[in-house]
Amino acid sequence: PSAYRKGAPGERITFGIADSPIGRALVAETDRGVCALELGDDDAVLEAELRRDFPRAELVRDDRAVRARLAAALE
């Protein structure tokens, strides 16, 4: 929580975006687990929201790396 309040400096966050039954879904994770789950219609908007929430983190899009977490979240 304290890292989140500071914009997550020094954190590496991997995220992916995929189709879901209710639109596009973004899941993001650190080495400690899921840190964000967003739903929307536009990939660019979802990514912008993640960047707004974690402005000081290193964000890496890797749809394949988070595929299992995303599938679990959508279940």
PDB file of N, CA and C in Angstrom:
ATOM      1  N   PRO A   1       0.803  -1.223   0.000  1.00  0.00           N
ATOM      2  CA  PRO A   1       0.000   0.000   0.000  1.00  0.00           C
ATOM      3  C   PRO A   1       0.837   1.275   0.000  1.00  0.00           C
ATOM      4  N   SER A   2       1.935   1.281   0.746  1.00  0.00           N
ATOM      5  CA  SER A   2       2.742   2.508   0.773  1.00  0.00           C
ATOM      6  C   SER A   2       3.426   2.731  -0.570  1.00  0.00           C
ATOM      7  N   ALA A   3       3.864   1.657  -1.229  1.00  0.00           N
ATOM      8  CA  ALA A   3       4.473   1.789  -2.560  1.00  0.00           C
ATOM      9  C   ALA A   3       3.443   2.304  -3.564  1.00  0.00           C
ATOM     10  N   TYR A   4       2.208   1.850  -3.438  1.00  0.00           N
ATOM     11  CA  TYR A   4       1.141   2.298  -4.328  1.00  0.00           C
ATOM     12  C   TYR A   4       0.930   3.800  -4.173  1.00  0.00           C
ATOM     13  N   ARG A   5       0.884   4.272  -2.941  1.00  0.00           N
ATOM     14  CA  ARG A   5       0.677   5.702  -2.694  1.00  0.00           C
ATOM     15  C   ARG A   5       1.792   6.545  -3.301  1.00  0.00           C
ATOM     16  N   LYS A   6       2.989   5.968  -3.403  1.00  0.00           N
ATOM     17  CA  LYS A   6       4.131   6.689  -3.966  1.00  0.00           C
ATOM     18  C   LYS A   6       4.250   6.507  -5.475  1.00  0.00           C
ATOM     19  N   GLY A   7       3.311   5.799  -6.105  1.00  0.00           N
ATOM     20  CA  GLY A   7       3.364   5.581  -7.545  1.00  0.00           C
ATOM     21  C   GLY A   7       4.134   4.340  -7.949  1.00  0.00           C
ATOM     22  N   ALA A   8       4.483   3.506  -6.963  1.00  0.00           N
ATOM     23  CA  ALA A   8       5.188   2.237  -7.168  1.00  0.00           C
ATOM     24  C   ALA A   8       6.597   2.413  -7.739  1.00  0.00           C
ATOM     25  N   PRO A   9       7.396   3.307  -7.151  1.00  0.00           N
ATOM     26  CA  PRO A   9       8.754   3.487  -7.670  1.00  0.00           C
ATOM     27  C   PRO A   9       9.579   2.210  -7.527  1.00  0.00           C
ATOM     28  N   GLY A  10      10.321   1.881  -8.585  1.00  0.00           N
ATOM     29  CA  GLY A  10      11.180   0.704  -8.540  1.00  0.00           C
ATOM     30  C   GLY A  10      10.474  -0.609  -8.773  1.00  0.00           C
ATOM     31  N   GLU A  11       9.168  -0.601  -8.880  1.00  0.00           N
ATOM     32  CA  GLU A  11       8.413  -1.834  -9.117  1.00  0.00           C
ATOM     33  C   GLU A  11       8.374  -2.142 -10.603  1.00  0.00           C
ATOM     34  N   ARG A  12       8.488  -3.404 -10.934  1.00  0.00           N
ATOM     35  CA  ARG A  12       8.274  -3.875 -12.312  1.00  0.00           C
ATOM     36  C   ARG A  12       6.904  -4.534 -12.331  1.00  0.00           C
ATOM     37  N   ILE A  13       6.025  -3.993 -13.155  1.00  0.00           N
ATOM     38  CA  ILE A  13       4.666  -4.514 -13.255  1.00  0.00           C
ATOM     39  C   ILE A  13       4.468  -5.046 -14.663  1.00  0.00           C
ATOM     40  N   THR A  14       4.138  -6.324 -14.740  1.00  0.00           N
ATOM     41  CA  THR A  14       3.841  -6.959 -16.015  1.00  0.00           C
ATOM     42  C   THR A  14       2.331  -7.005 -16.160  1.00  0.00           C
ATOM     43  N   PHE A  15       1.846  -6.647 -17.351  1.00  0.00           N
ATOM     44  CA  PHE A  15       0.408  -6.648 -17.550  1.00  0.00           C
ATOM     45  C   PHE A  15       0.062  -7.221 -18.908  1.00  0.00           C
ATOM     46  N   GLY A  16      -1.177  -7.656 -19.012  1.00  0.00           N
ATOM     47  CA  GLY A  16      -1.688  -8.161 -20.271  1.00  0.00           C
ATOM     48  C   GLY A  16      -3.148  -7.771 -20.421  1.00  0.00           C
ATOM     49  N   ILE A  17      -3.605  -7.775 -21.662  1.00  0.00           N
ATOM     50  CA  ILE A  17      -4.984  -7.414 -21.977  1.00  0.00           C
ATOM     51  C   ILE A  17      -5.549  -8.462 -22.917  1.00  0.00           C
ATOM     52  N   ALA A  18      -6.798  -8.859 -22.665  1.00  0.00           N
ATOM     53  CA  ALA A  18      -7.446  -9.869 -23.501  1.00  0.00           C
ATOM     54  C   ALA A  18      -8.950  -9.647 -23.511  1.00  0.00           C
ATOM     55  N   ASP A  19      -9.604 -10.336 -24.414  1.00  0.00           N
ATOM     56  CA  ASP A  19     -11.065 -10.310 -24.456  1.00  0.00           C
ATOM     57  C   ASP A  19     -11.640 -11.019 -23.247  1.00  0.00           C
ATOM     58  N   SER A  20     -12.771 -10.541 -22.790  1.00  0.00           N
ATOM     59  CA  SER A  20     -13.522 -11.204 -21.729  1.00  0.00           C
ATOM     60  C   SER A  20     -14.991 -11.180 -22.141  1.00  0.00           C
ATOM     61  N   PRO A  21     -15.833 -11.903 -21.437  1.00  0.00           N
ATOM     62  CA  PRO A  21     -17.260 -11.889 -21.770  1.00  0.00           C
ATOM     63  C   PRO A  21     -17.912 -10.509 -21.632  1.00  0.00           C
ATOM     64  N   ILE A  22     -17.265  -9.589 -20.922  1.00  0.00           N
ATOM     65  CA  ILE A  22     -17.857  -8.270 -20.706  1.00  0.00           C
ATOM     66  C   ILE A  22     -16.976  -7.138 -21.223  1.00  0.00           C
ATOM     67  N   GLY A  23     -16.143  -7.416 -22.206  1.00  0.00           N
ATOM     68  CA  GLY A  23     -15.271  -6.396 -22.785  1.00  0.00           C
ATOM     69  C   GLY A  23     -13.819  -6.794 -22.680  1.00  0.00           C
ATOM     70  N   ARG A  24     -12.949  -5.818 -22.757  1.00  0.00           N
ATOM     71  CA  ARG A  24     -11.516  -6.070 -22.637  1.00  0.00           C
ATOM     72  C   ARG A  24     -11.145  -6.085 -21.159  1.00  0.00           C
ATOM     73  N   ALA A  25     -10.195  -6.934 -20.808  1.00  0.00           N
ATOM     74  CA  ALA A  25      -9.766  -7.059 -19.416  1.00  0.00           C
ATOM     75  C   ALA A  25      -8.252  -6.927 -19.343  1.00  0.00           C
ATOM     76  N   LEU A  26      -7.796  -6.139 -18.389  1.00  0.00           N
ATOM     77  CA  LEU A  26      -6.370  -5.963 -18.117  1.00  0.00           C
ATOM     78  C   LEU A  26      -6.086  -6.554 -16.753  1.00  0.00           C
ATOM     79  N   VAL A  27      -5.023  -7.352 -16.665  1.00  0.00           N
ATOM     80  CA  VAL A  27      -4.543  -7.824 -15.376  1.00  0.00           C
ATOM     81  C   VAL A  27      -3.072  -7.452 -15.292  1.00  0.00           C
ATOM     82  N   ALA A  28      -2.661  -6.973 -14.126  1.00  0.00           N
ATOM     83  CA  ALA A  28      -1.277  -6.569 -13.906  1.00  0.00           C
ATOM     84  C   ALA A  28      -0.771  -7.236 -12.644  1.00  0.00           C
ATOM     85  N   GLU A  29       0.525  -7.598 -12.668  1.00  0.00           N
ATOM     86  CA  GLU A  29       1.088  -8.282 -11.505  1.00  0.00           C
ATOM     87  C   GLU A  29       2.535  -7.901 -11.279  1.00  0.00           C
ATOM     88  N   THR A  30       2.906  -7.959 -10.018  1.00  0.00           N
ATOM     89  CA  THR A  30       4.303  -7.828  -9.617  1.00  0.00           C
ATOM     90  C   THR A  30       4.773  -9.226  -9.226  1.00  0.00           C
ATOM     91  N   ASP A  31       5.980  -9.331  -8.730  1.00  0.00           N
ATOM     92  CA  ASP A  31       6.458 -10.641  -8.275  1.00  0.00           C
ATOM     93  C   ASP A  31       5.701 -11.119  -7.029  1.00  0.00           C
ATOM     94  N   ARG A  32       4.924 -10.229  -6.426  1.00  0.00           N
ATOM     95  CA  ARG A  32       4.133 -10.603  -5.240  1.00  0.00           C
ATOM     96  C   ARG A  32       2.700 -10.974  -5.564  1.00  0.00           C
ATOM     97  N   GLY A  33       2.270 -10.765  -6.820  1.00  0.00           N
ATOM     98  CA  GLY A  33       0.916 -11.150  -7.207  1.00  0.00           C
ATOM     99  C   GLY A  33       0.200 -10.051  -7.958  1.00  0.00           C
ATOM    100  N   VAL A  34      -1.093 -10.252  -8.142  1.00  0.00           N
ATOM    101  CA  VAL A  34      -1.915  -9.323  -8.912  1.00  0.00           C
ATOM    102  C   VAL A  34      -2.015  -7.983  -8.179  1.00  0.00           C
ATOM    103  N   CYS A  35      -1.814  -6.903  -8.932  1.00  0.00           N
ATOM    104  CA  CYS A  35      -1.907  -5.569  -8.338  1.00  0.00           C
ATOM    105  C   CYS A  35      -2.997  -4.731  -8.994  1.00  0.00           C
ATOM    106  N   ALA A  36      -3.534  -5.201 -10.127  1.00  0.00           N
ATOM    107  CA  ALA A  36      -4.605  -4.446 -10.784  1.00  0.00           C
ATOM    108  C   ALA A  36      -5.406  -5.363 -11.692  1.00  0.00           C
ATOM    109  N   LEU A  37      -6.695  -5.082 -11.755  1.00  0.00           N
ATOM    110  CA  LEU A  37      -7.603  -5.746 -12.677  1.00  0.00           C
ATOM    111  C   LEU A  37      -8.579  -4.683 -13.150  1.00  0.00           C
ATOM    112  N   GLU A  38      -8.581  -4.426 -14.447  1.00  0.00           N
ATOM    113  CA  GLU A  38      -9.419  -3.375 -15.023  1.00  0.00           C
ATOM    114  C   GLU A  38     -10.246  -3.946 -16.168  1.00  0.00           C
ATOM    115  N   LEU A  39     -11.437  -3.421 -16.338  1.00  0.00           N
ATOM    116  CA  LEU A  39     -12.300  -3.801 -17.449  1.00  0.00           C
ATOM    117  C   LEU A  39     -12.631  -2.567 -18.256  1.00  0.00           C
ATOM    118  N   GLY A  40     -12.741  -2.731 -19.572  1.00  0.00           N
ATOM    119  CA  GLY A  40     -13.070  -1.601 -20.422  1.00  0.00           C
ATOM    120  C   GLY A  40     -13.277  -2.033 -21.858  1.00  0.00           C
ATOM    121  N   ASP A  41     -13.305  -1.064 -22.748  1.00  0.00           N
ATOM    122  CA  ASP A  41     -13.531  -1.337 -24.164  1.00  0.00           C
ATOM    123  C   ASP A  41     -12.312  -1.051 -25.026  1.00  0.00           C
ATOM    124  N   ASP A  42     -11.333  -0.333 -24.506  1.00  0.00           N
ATOM    125  CA  ASP A  42     -10.230   0.145 -25.324  1.00  0.00           C
ATOM    126  C   ASP A  42      -8.894  -0.145 -24.639  1.00  0.00           C
ATOM    127  N   ASP A  43      -8.009  -0.865 -25.332  1.00  0.00           N
ATOM    128  CA  ASP A  43      -6.715  -1.225 -24.753  1.00  0.00           C
ATOM    129  C   ASP A  43      -5.911   0.000 -24.333  1.00  0.00           C
ATOM    130  N   ALA A  44      -5.905   1.036 -25.162  1.00  0.00           N
ATOM    131  CA  ALA A  44      -5.124   2.230 -24.861  1.00  0.00           C
ATOM    132  C   ALA A  44      -5.623   2.908 -23.586  1.00  0.00           C
ATOM    133  N   VAL A  45      -6.922   2.937 -23.400  1.00  0.00           N
ATOM    134  CA  VAL A  45      -7.496   3.541 -22.194  1.00  0.00           C
ATOM    135  C   VAL A  45      -7.133   2.706 -20.971  1.00  0.00           C
ATOM    136  N   LEU A  46      -7.233   1.381 -21.086  1.00  0.00           N
ATOM    137  CA  LEU A  46      -6.876   0.507 -19.964  1.00  0.00           C
ATOM    138  C   LEU A  46      -5.415   0.698 -19.571  1.00  0.00           C
ATOM    139  N   GLU A  47      -4.532   0.753 -20.556  1.00  0.00           N
ATOM    140  CA  GLU A  47      -3.112   0.949 -20.264  1.00  0.00           C
ATOM    141  C   GLU A  47      -2.862   2.327 -19.658  1.00  0.00           C
ATOM    142  N   ALA A  48      -3.534   3.343 -20.149  1.00  0.00           N
ATOM    143  CA  ALA A  48      -3.380   4.701 -19.600  1.00  0.00           C
ATOM    144  C   ALA A  48      -3.814   4.752 -18.137  1.00  0.00           C
ATOM    145  N   GLU A  49      -4.885   4.061 -17.803  1.00  0.00           N
ATOM    146  CA  GLU A  49      -5.341   4.021 -16.415  1.00  0.00           C
ATOM    147  C   GLU A  49      -4.311   3.336 -15.526  1.00  0.00           C
ATOM    148  N   LEU A  50      -3.709   2.259 -16.029  1.00  0.00           N
ATOM    149  CA  LEU A  50      -2.667   1.575 -15.261  1.00  0.00           C
ATOM    150  C   LEU A  50      -1.479   2.496 -15.048  1.00  0.00           C
ATOM    151  N   ARG A  51      -1.082   3.204 -16.090  1.00  0.00           N
ATOM    152  CA  ARG A  51       0.041   4.146 -15.971  1.00  0.00           C
ATOM    153  C   ARG A  51      -0.287   5.289 -15.008  1.00  0.00           C
ATOM    154  N   ARG A  52      -1.543   5.713 -14.976  1.00  0.00           N
ATOM    155  CA  ARG A  52      -1.955   6.752 -14.032  1.00  0.00           C
ATOM    156  C   ARG A  52      -1.880   6.232 -12.589  1.00  0.00           C
ATOM    157  N   ASP A  53      -2.275   4.976 -12.383  1.00  0.00           N
ATOM    158  CA  ASP A  53      -2.254   4.397 -11.037  1.00  0.00           C
ATOM    159  C   ASP A  53      -0.842   4.103 -10.541  1.00  0.00           C
ATOM    160  N   PHE A  54       0.063   3.773 -11.474  1.00  0.00           N
ATOM    161  CA  PHE A  54       1.435   3.405 -11.109  1.00  0.00           C
ATOM    162  C   PHE A  54       2.431   4.223 -11.940  1.00  0.00           C
ATOM    163  N   PRO A  55       2.456   5.543 -11.753  1.00  0.00           N
ATOM    164  CA  PRO A  55       3.249   6.410 -12.624  1.00  0.00           C
ATOM    165  C   PRO A  55       4.758   6.228 -12.515  1.00  0.00           C
ATOM    166  N   ARG A  56       5.239   5.694 -11.428  1.00  0.00           N
ATOM    167  CA  ARG A  56       6.686   5.569 -11.234  1.00  0.00           C
ATOM    168  C   ARG A  56       7.178   4.141 -11.416  1.00  0.00           C
ATOM    169  N   ALA A  57       6.287   3.236 -11.783  1.00  0.00           N
ATOM    170  CA  ALA A  57       6.669   1.835 -11.986  1.00  0.00           C
ATOM    171  C   ALA A  57       7.136   1.602 -13.413  1.00  0.00           C
ATOM    172  N   GLU A  58       7.902   0.550 -13.586  1.00  0.00           N
ATOM    173  CA  GLU A  58       8.252   0.086 -14.926  1.00  0.00           C
ATOM    174  C   GLU A  58       7.120  -0.837 -15.368  1.00  0.00           C
ATOM    175  N   LEU A  59       6.388  -0.451 -16.397  1.00  0.00           N
ATOM    176  CA  LEU A  59       5.266  -1.247 -16.889  1.00  0.00           C
ATOM    177  C   LEU A  59       5.686  -1.967 -18.162  1.00  0.00           C
ATOM    178  N   VAL A  60       5.449  -3.284 -18.164  1.00  0.00           N
ATOM    179  CA  VAL A  60       5.841  -4.118 -19.287  1.00  0.00           C
ATOM    180  C   VAL A  60       4.622  -4.901 -19.749  1.00  0.00           C
ATOM    181  N   ARG A  61       4.223  -4.683 -20.996  1.00  0.00           N
ATOM    182  CA  ARG A  61       3.098  -5.450 -21.520  1.00  0.00           C
ATOM    183  C   ARG A  61       3.613  -6.779 -22.053  1.00  0.00           C
ATOM    184  N   ASP A  62       3.046  -7.847 -21.532  1.00  0.00           N
ATOM    185  CA  ASP A  62       3.393  -9.195 -21.974  1.00  0.00           C
ATOM    186  C   ASP A  62       2.153 -10.053 -21.805  1.00  0.00           C
ATOM    187  N   ASP A  63       1.305 -10.058 -22.818  1.00  0.00           N
ATOM    188  CA  ASP A  63       0.041 -10.780 -22.741  1.00  0.00           C
ATOM    189  C   ASP A  63       0.251 -12.261 -22.425  1.00  0.00           C
ATOM    190  N   ARG A  64       1.296 -12.849 -22.966  1.00  0.00           N
ATOM    191  CA  ARG A  64       1.551 -14.277 -22.732  1.00  0.00           C
ATOM    192  C   ARG A  64       1.961 -14.555 -21.283  1.00  0.00           C
ATOM    193  N   ALA A  65       2.756 -13.676 -20.698  1.00  0.00           N
ATOM    194  CA  ALA A  65       3.261 -13.896 -19.338  1.00  0.00           C
ATOM    195  C   ALA A  65       2.153 -13.886 -18.301  1.00  0.00           C
ATOM    196  N   VAL A  66       1.093 -13.138 -18.539  1.00  0.00           N
ATOM    197  CA  VAL A  66       0.023 -13.042 -17.547  1.00  0.00           C
ATOM    198  C   VAL A  66      -1.233 -13.809 -17.973  1.00  0.00           C
ATOM    199  N   ARG A  67      -1.114 -14.611 -19.026  1.00  0.00           N
ATOM    200  CA  ARG A  67      -2.270 -15.343 -19.555  1.00  0.00           C
ATOM    201  C   ARG A  67      -2.973 -16.192 -18.492  1.00  0.00           C
ATOM    202  N   ALA A  68      -2.217 -16.926 -17.677  1.00  0.00           N
ATOM    203  CA  ALA A  68      -2.833 -17.786 -16.665  1.00  0.00           C
ATOM    204  C   ALA A  68      -3.590 -16.964 -15.613  1.00  0.00           C
ATOM    205  N   ARG A  69      -2.973 -15.886 -15.156  1.00  0.00           N
ATOM    206  CA  ARG A  69      -3.644 -15.023 -14.167  1.00  0.00           C
ATOM    207  C   ARG A  69      -4.901 -14.404 -14.756  1.00  0.00           C
ATOM    208  N   LEU A  70      -4.811 -13.981 -15.993  1.00  0.00           N
ATOM    209  CA  LEU A  70      -5.957 -13.368 -16.649  1.00  0.00           C
ATOM    210  C   LEU A  70      -7.077 -14.384 -16.795  1.00  0.00           C
ATOM    211  N   ALA A  71      -6.760 -15.592 -17.199  1.00  0.00           N
ATOM    212  CA  ALA A  71      -7.777 -16.641 -17.329  1.00  0.00           C
ATOM    213  C   ALA A  71      -8.424 -16.921 -15.978  1.00  0.00           C
ATOM    214  N   ALA A  72      -7.629 -16.991 -14.918  1.00  0.00           N
ATOM    215  CA  ALA A  72      -8.171 -17.229 -13.579  1.00  0.00           C
ATOM    216  C   ALA A  72      -9.072 -16.086 -13.150  1.00  0.00           C
ATOM    217  N   ALA A  73      -8.678 -14.867 -13.425  1.00  0.00           N
ATOM    218  CA  ALA A  73      -9.479 -13.705 -13.037  1.00  0.00           C
ATOM    219  C   ALA A  73     -10.803 -13.687 -13.782  1.00  0.00           C
ATOM    220  N   LEU A  74     -10.793 -14.122 -15.027  1.00  0.00           N
ATOM    221  CA  LEU A  74     -12.021 -14.096 -15.818  1.00  0.00           C
ATOM    222  C   LEU A  74     -12.979 -15.216 -15.456  1.00  0.00           C
ATOM    223  N   GLU A  75     -12.461 -16.265 -14.837  1.00  0.00           N
ATOM    224  CA  GLU A  75     -13.343 -17.343 -14.390  1.00  0.00           C
ATOM    225  C   GLU A  75     -14.214 -16.861 -13.263  1.00  0.00           C
TER     226      GLU A  75
END
